Amino acid sequence: METLTRNASLTSPQLRSLKLPPISNAMEALLEMIDTYTSAVSEEKLQPPGIQVEMFHNNYPVYTETNNLSLLIFLTIGGKTFALPGDLERSGWLSLLQNSRVCQRLQDVDVFVASHHGRENGYCQDVFNYCSPSLIVMSDGPVKYSTQEMASMYGQHVSGEYFNVNGSYEFRKVVTTRKDGHIWWTL
């Protein structure tokens, strides 16, 4: 059974109304899944043994920018906690930081995936009042905008760790798919 986890505060017609035409193929696929993946999902499917998942989101219509309706997911596996904030932007982060549970979970984060592919509008310094990860991951393609040059800004918030890069260990604070290619952990 395929499963879709999403921000359930808005429907597919509401989401469609927020997107400017033309709607991408990926968004069309998501809209179709929202309408067809409607069965309840058991807790075991959402949290298999050995994996802890906790999700938060801002609500529609309080937020109408789709980036700020992204899920913030905390994934704990093998003793490491990852923060996966989707495309959250600063205002969305500030809203989520009003939730004490979000602030508590941020304190546990080892690996922080930079919001909105590491772009400037996804950066929220206030997050790092709670979060002191050892590593930042930026999932990003080739540089097209100056707002993508945020590695040093994120790097000031992390302790760093040795990371296997092409068979040799390097001390890193930020890794990017742009520079490092596929990034994975053995847990």
C-alpha atoms as a PDB file:
ATOM      1  CA  MET A   1       0.000   0.000   0.000  1.00  0.00           C
ATOM      2  CA  GLU A   2       1.345   3.416  -0.965  1.00  0.00           C
ATOM      3  CA  THR A   3       1.118   6.106   1.681  1.00  0.00           C
ATOM      4  CA  LEU A   4       1.036   9.882   1.431  1.00  0.00           C
ATOM      5  CA  THR A   5       1.780  11.985   4.485  1.00  0.00           C
ATOM      6  CA  ARG A   6       0.924  15.637   4.026  1.00  0.00           C
ATOM      7  CA  ASN A   7      -0.385  18.787   5.612  1.00  0.00           C
ATOM      8  CA  ALA A   8      -4.051  17.849   5.932  1.00  0.00           C
ATOM      9  CA  SER A   9      -5.199  21.390   6.745  1.00  0.00           C
ATOM     10  CA  LEU A  10      -5.931  22.020   3.065  1.00  0.00           C
ATOM     11  CA  THR A  11      -7.661  20.108   0.303  1.00  0.00           C
ATOM     12  CA  SER A  12      -6.405  19.523  -3.215  1.00  0.00           C
ATOM     13  CA  PRO A  13      -8.699  22.267  -4.668  1.00  0.00           C
ATOM     14  CA  GLN A  14      -7.387  24.710  -2.060  1.00  0.00           C
ATOM     15  CA  LEU A  15      -3.801  23.765  -2.858  1.00  0.00           C
ATOM     16  CA  ARG A  16      -4.473  24.050  -6.599  1.00  0.00           C
ATOM     17  CA  SER A  17      -5.889  27.560  -6.054  1.00  0.00           C
ATOM     18  CA  LEU A  18      -2.633  28.628  -4.372  1.00  0.00           C
ATOM     19  CA  LYS A  19      -0.407  27.527  -7.265  1.00  0.00           C
ATOM     20  CA  LEU A  20       0.174  29.789 -10.235  1.00  0.00           C
ATOM     21  CA  PRO A  21      -0.301  28.238 -13.666  1.00  0.00           C
ATOM     22  CA  PRO A  22       1.227  26.364 -15.250  1.00  0.00           C
ATOM     23  CA  ILE A  23       1.093  23.667 -12.581  1.00  0.00           C
ATOM     24  CA  SER A  24       4.097  21.340 -12.745  1.00  0.00           C
ATOM     25  CA  ASN A  25       3.785  17.637 -13.426  1.00  0.00           C
ATOM     26  CA  ALA A  26       5.028  16.935  -9.889  1.00  0.00           C
ATOM     27  CA  MET A  27       2.293  19.150  -8.400  1.00  0.00           C
ATOM     28  CA  GLU A  28      -0.347  17.507 -10.606  1.00  0.00           C
ATOM     29  CA  ALA A  29       0.803  14.122  -9.309  1.00  0.00           C
ATOM     30  CA  LEU A  30       0.577  15.343  -5.703  1.00  0.00           C
ATOM     31  CA  LEU A  31      -2.918  16.749  -6.250  1.00  0.00           C
ATOM     32  CA  GLU A  32      -4.028  13.406  -7.681  1.00  0.00           C
ATOM     33  CA  MET A  33      -2.526  11.536  -4.713  1.00  0.00           C
ATOM     34  CA  ILE A  34      -4.300  13.842  -2.247  1.00  0.00           C
ATOM     35  CA  ASP A  35      -7.606  12.892  -3.876  1.00  0.00           C
ATOM     36  CA  THR A  36      -6.932   9.164  -4.209  1.00  0.00           C
ATOM     37  CA  TYR A  37      -4.866   8.242  -1.125  1.00  0.00           C
ATOM     38  CA  THR A  38      -7.730   8.549   1.329  1.00  0.00           C
ATOM     39  CA  SER A  39      -7.567   5.407   3.485  1.00  0.00           C
ATOM     40  CA  ALA A  40      -6.512   5.559   7.107  1.00  0.00           C
ATOM     41  CA  VAL A  41      -2.927   4.514   7.746  1.00  0.00           C
ATOM     42  CA  SER A  42      -1.937   2.377  10.713  1.00  0.00           C
ATOM     43  CA  GLU A  43       0.588   3.702  13.224  1.00  0.00           C
ATOM     44  CA  GLU A  44       2.949   0.824  12.287  1.00  0.00           C
ATOM     45  CA  LYS A  45       3.096   2.122   8.701  1.00  0.00           C
ATOM     46  CA  LEU A  46       3.924   5.628   9.870  1.00  0.00           C
ATOM     47  CA  GLN A  47       6.432   4.530  12.517  1.00  0.00           C
ATOM     48  CA  PRO A  48       8.030   1.158  11.759  1.00  0.00           C
ATOM     49  CA  PRO A  49       9.998  -0.456  14.614  1.00  0.00           C
ATOM     50  CA  GLY A  50      13.216   1.434  15.345  1.00  0.00           C
ATOM     51  CA  ILE A  51      12.070   4.612  13.641  1.00  0.00           C
ATOM     52  CA  GLN A  52      10.438   7.584  15.345  1.00  0.00           C
ATOM     53  CA  VAL A  53       8.630  10.135  13.196  1.00  0.00           C
ATOM     54  CA  GLU A  54       7.036  13.330  14.457  1.00  0.00           C
ATOM     55  CA  MET A  55       5.462  15.916  12.146  1.00  0.00           C
ATOM     56  CA  PHE A  56       4.341  19.509  12.475  1.00  0.00           C
ATOM     57  CA  HIS A  57       2.864  22.058  10.074  1.00  0.00           C
ATOM     58  CA  ASN A  58       1.295  25.463   9.823  1.00  0.00           C
ATOM     59  CA  ASN A  59      -2.396  25.569   9.005  1.00  0.00           C
ATOM     60  CA  TYR A  60      -4.245  26.804   5.976  1.00  0.00           C
ATOM     61  CA  PRO A  61      -5.788  29.427   5.697  1.00  0.00           C
ATOM     62  CA  VAL A  62      -3.620  31.110   8.348  1.00  0.00           C
ATOM     63  CA  TYR A  63      -0.815  30.494   5.844  1.00  0.00           C
ATOM     64  CA  THR A  64      -1.476  30.675   2.133  1.00  0.00           C
ATOM     65  CA  GLU A  65       2.127  30.474   0.900  1.00  0.00           C
ATOM     66  CA  THR A  66       2.626  26.837  -0.021  1.00  0.00           C
ATOM     67  CA  ASN A  67       6.241  26.814   1.197  1.00  0.00           C
ATOM     68  CA  ASN A  68       5.063  27.660   4.712  1.00  0.00           C
ATOM     69  CA  LEU A  69       2.550  24.805   4.567  1.00  0.00           C
ATOM     70  CA  SER A  70       5.423  22.304   4.283  1.00  0.00           C
ATOM     71  CA  LEU A  71       5.698  19.521   6.817  1.00  0.00           C
ATOM     72  CA  LEU A  72       8.440  19.781   9.413  1.00  0.00           C
ATOM     73  CA  ILE A  73       9.457  16.177  10.046  1.00  0.00           C
ATOM     74  CA  PHE A  74      11.704  14.905  12.811  1.00  0.00           C
ATOM     75  CA  LEU A  75      13.045  11.467  11.946  1.00  0.00           C
ATOM     76  CA  THR A  76      14.975   9.502  14.563  1.00  0.00           C
ATOM     77  CA  ILE A  77      16.687   6.317  13.466  1.00  0.00           C
ATOM     78  CA  GLY A  78      19.811   4.560  14.682  1.00  0.00           C
ATOM     79  CA  GLY A  79      20.334   7.116  17.436  1.00  0.00           C
ATOM     80  CA  LYS A  80      20.431  10.076  15.004  1.00  0.00           C
ATOM     81  CA  THR A  81      17.715  12.679  14.676  1.00  0.00           C
ATOM     82  CA  PHE A  82      17.181  14.441  11.370  1.00  0.00           C
ATOM     83  CA  ALA A  83      15.115  17.621  10.869  1.00  0.00           C
ATOM     84  CA  LEU A  84      13.444  17.730   7.451  1.00  0.00           C
ATOM     85  CA  PRO A  85      11.673  21.089   7.054  1.00  0.00           C
ATOM     86  CA  GLY A  86      10.677  20.987   3.404  1.00  0.00           C
ATOM     87  CA  ASP A  87      10.415  24.462   1.896  1.00  0.00           C
ATOM     88  CA  LEU A  88       9.606  26.348   5.106  1.00  0.00           C
ATOM     89  CA  GLU A  89      10.483  30.009   4.981  1.00  0.00           C
ATOM     90  CA  ARG A  90      11.322  32.304   7.894  1.00  0.00           C
ATOM     91  CA  SER A  91       7.732  33.323   8.705  1.00  0.00           C
ATOM     92  CA  GLY A  92       6.641  29.678   8.712  1.00  0.00           C
ATOM     93  CA  TRP A  93       9.499  28.782  11.037  1.00  0.00           C
ATOM     94  CA  LEU A  94       8.612  31.619  13.411  1.00  0.00           C
ATOM     95  CA  SER A  95       5.075  30.302  13.645  1.00  0.00           C
ATOM     96  CA  LEU A  96       6.225  26.739  14.342  1.00  0.00           C
ATOM     97  CA  LEU A  97       8.655  27.990  17.003  1.00  0.00           C
ATOM     98  CA  GLN A  98       5.599  29.039  19.017  1.00  0.00           C
ATOM     99  CA  ASN A  99       5.018  25.308  19.606  1.00  0.00           C
ATOM    100  CA  SER A 100       7.048  24.157  22.620  1.00  0.00           C
ATOM    101  CA  ARG A 101       7.189  20.595  21.253  1.00  0.00           C
ATOM    102  CA  VAL A 102       8.877  21.842  18.055  1.00  0.00           C
ATOM    103  CA  CYS A 103      11.442  23.704  20.168  1.00  0.00           C
ATOM    104  CA  GLN A 104      12.006  20.590  22.273  1.00  0.00           C
ATOM    105  CA  ARG A 105      12.492  18.369  19.212  1.00  0.00           C
ATOM    106  CA  LEU A 106      14.922  20.855  17.652  1.00  0.00           C
ATOM    107  CA  GLN A 107      17.191  20.347  20.664  1.00  0.00           C
ATOM    108  CA  ASP A 108      17.595  16.673  19.676  1.00  0.00           C
ATOM    109  CA  VAL A 109      18.619  17.299  16.061  1.00  0.00           C
ATOM    110  CA  ASP A 110      21.939  15.864  14.843  1.00  0.00           C
ATOM    111  CA  VAL A 111      21.462  16.540  11.123  1.00  0.00           C
ATOM    112  CA  PHE A 112      19.521  19.531   9.861  1.00  0.00           C
ATOM    113  CA  VAL A 113      18.368  19.644   6.244  1.00  0.00           C
ATOM    114  CA  ALA A 114      18.372  23.301   5.223  1.00  0.00           C
ATOM    115  CA  SER A 115      14.924  24.658   4.399  1.00  0.00           C
ATOM    116  CA  HIS A 116      13.986  25.459   0.824  1.00  0.00           C
ATOM    117  CA  HIS A 117      17.116  23.848  -0.587  1.00  0.00           C
ATOM    118  CA  GLY A 118      19.365  26.094   1.490  1.00  0.00           C
ATOM    119  CA  ARG A 119      18.047  29.310  -0.028  1.00  0.00           C
ATOM    120  CA  GLU A 120      18.121  32.530   1.928  1.00  0.00           C
ATOM    121  CA  ASN A 121      14.320  32.698   2.353  1.00  0.00           C
ATOM    122  CA  GLY A 122      14.382  29.330   4.147  1.00  0.00           C
ATOM    123  CA  TYR A 123      16.948  30.441   6.705  1.00  0.00           C
ATOM    124  CA  CYS A 124      15.683  31.391  10.167  1.00  0.00           C
ATOM    125  CA  GLN A 125      18.384  32.203  12.700  1.00  0.00           C
ATOM    126  CA  ASP A 126      15.876  31.778  15.568  1.00  0.00           C
ATOM    127  CA  VAL A 127      15.742  28.021  14.869  1.00  0.00           C
ATOM    128  CA  PHE A 128      19.340  27.762  16.020  1.00  0.00           C
ATOM    129  CA  ASN A 129      18.460  29.148  19.446  1.00  0.00           C
ATOM    130  CA  TYR A 130      17.164  25.593  20.022  1.00  0.00           C
ATOM    131  CA  CYS A 131      18.992  23.511  17.436  1.00  0.00           C
ATOM    132  CA  SER A 132      22.737  22.738  17.529  1.00  0.00           C
ATOM    133  CA  PRO A 133      23.226  20.070  14.877  1.00  0.00           C
ATOM    134  CA  SER A 134      26.547  18.541  13.966  1.00  0.00           C
ATOM    135  CA  LEU A 135      25.846  18.755  10.228  1.00  0.00           C
ATOM    136  CA  ILE A 136      23.748  20.733   7.740  1.00  0.00           C
ATOM    137  CA  VAL A 137      22.586  19.118   4.499  1.00  0.00           C
ATOM    138  CA  MET A 138      21.618  21.220   1.511  1.00  0.00           C
ATOM    139  CA  SER A 139      19.706  19.431  -1.195  1.00  0.00           C
ATOM    140  CA  ASP A 140      20.313  21.718  -4.134  1.00  0.00           C
ATOM    141  CA  GLY A 141      21.146  21.822  -7.789  1.00  0.00           C
ATOM    142  CA  PRO A 142      23.484  24.166  -9.688  1.00  0.00           C
ATOM    143  CA  VAL A 143      23.651  27.729  -8.400  1.00  0.00           C
ATOM    144  CA  LYS A 144      21.178  29.920 -10.254  1.00  0.00           C
ATOM    145  CA  TYR A 145      20.553  32.619  -7.642  1.00  0.00           C
ATOM    146  CA  SER A 146      22.692  34.476  -5.110  1.00  0.00           C
ATOM    147  CA  THR A 147      20.147  33.410  -2.469  1.00  0.00           C
ATOM    148  CA  GLN A 148      21.602  29.883  -2.752  1.00  0.00           C
ATOM    149  CA  GLU A 149      24.959  30.956  -1.296  1.00  0.00           C
ATOM    150  CA  MET A 150      24.086  30.217   2.345  1.00  0.00           C
ATOM    151  CA  ALA A 151      26.553  27.467   3.343  1.00  0.00           C
ATOM    152  CA  SER A 152      28.694  29.764   5.487  1.00  0.00           C
ATOM    153  CA  MET A 153      25.611  31.228   7.206  1.00  0.00           C
ATOM    154  CA  TYR A 154      24.353  27.750   8.118  1.00  0.00           C
ATOM    155  CA  GLY A 155      27.859  26.578   8.966  1.00  0.00           C
ATOM    156  CA  GLN A 156      28.143  28.995  11.879  1.00  0.00           C
ATOM    157  CA  HIS A 157      25.424  27.038  13.726  1.00  0.00           C
ATOM    158  CA  VAL A 158      26.952  23.554  13.622  1.00  0.00           C
ATOM    159  CA  SER A 159      29.780  21.721  15.344  1.00  0.00           C
ATOM    160  CA  GLY A 160      30.784  19.698  12.287  1.00  0.00           C
ATOM    161  CA  GLU A 161      31.671  16.040  11.918  1.00  0.00           C
ATOM    162  CA  TYR A 162      33.872  13.783   9.870  1.00  0.00           C
ATOM    163  CA  PHE A 163      32.068  12.824   6.721  1.00  0.00           C
ATOM    164  CA  ASN A 164      33.050  10.225   4.154  1.00  0.00           C
ATOM    165  CA  VAL A 165      33.534  12.033   0.860  1.00  0.00           C
ATOM    166  CA  ASN A 166      34.541   9.747  -1.997  1.00  0.00           C
ATOM    167  CA  GLY A 167      36.307   7.300   0.332  1.00  0.00           C
ATOM    168  CA  SER A 168      38.199   9.799   2.477  1.00  0.00           C
ATOM    169  CA  TYR A 169      37.010  11.413   5.696  1.00  0.00           C
ATOM    170  CA  GLU A 170      36.783  15.184   5.763  1.00  0.00           C
ATOM    171  CA  PHE A 171      35.704  17.410   8.637  1.00  0.00           C
ATOM    172  CA  ARG A 172      32.600  19.171   7.350  1.00  0.00           C
ATOM    173  CA  LYS A 173      29.888  21.434   8.675  1.00  0.00           C
ATOM    174  CA  VAL A 174      27.782  21.572   5.518  1.00  0.00           C
ATOM    175  CA  VAL A 175      27.348  18.982   2.799  1.00  0.00           C
ATOM    176  CA  THR A 176      25.449  19.641  -0.404  1.00  0.00           C
ATOM    177  CA  THR A 177      24.050  17.466  -3.134  1.00  0.00           C
ATOM    178  CA  ARG A 178      25.371  20.133  -5.520  1.00  0.00           C
ATOM    179  CA  LYS A 179      28.981  19.477  -4.477  1.00  0.00           C
ATOM    180  CA  ASP A 180      28.875  16.023  -2.863  1.00  0.00           C
ATOM    181  CA  GLY A 181      26.243  14.196  -4.924  1.00  0.00           C
ATOM    182  CA  HIS A 182      24.143  11.559  -3.151  1.00  0.00           C
ATOM    183  CA  ILE A 183      24.314  11.770   0.644  1.00  0.00           C
ATOM    184  CA  TRP A 184      23.509   8.807   2.890  1.00  0.00           C
ATOM    185  CA  TRP A 185      24.053   7.431   6.371  1.00  0.00           C
ATOM    186  CA  THR A 186      24.748   3.928   7.572  1.00  0.00           C
ATOM    187  CA  LEU A 187      22.815   3.664  10.821  1.00  0.00           C
END
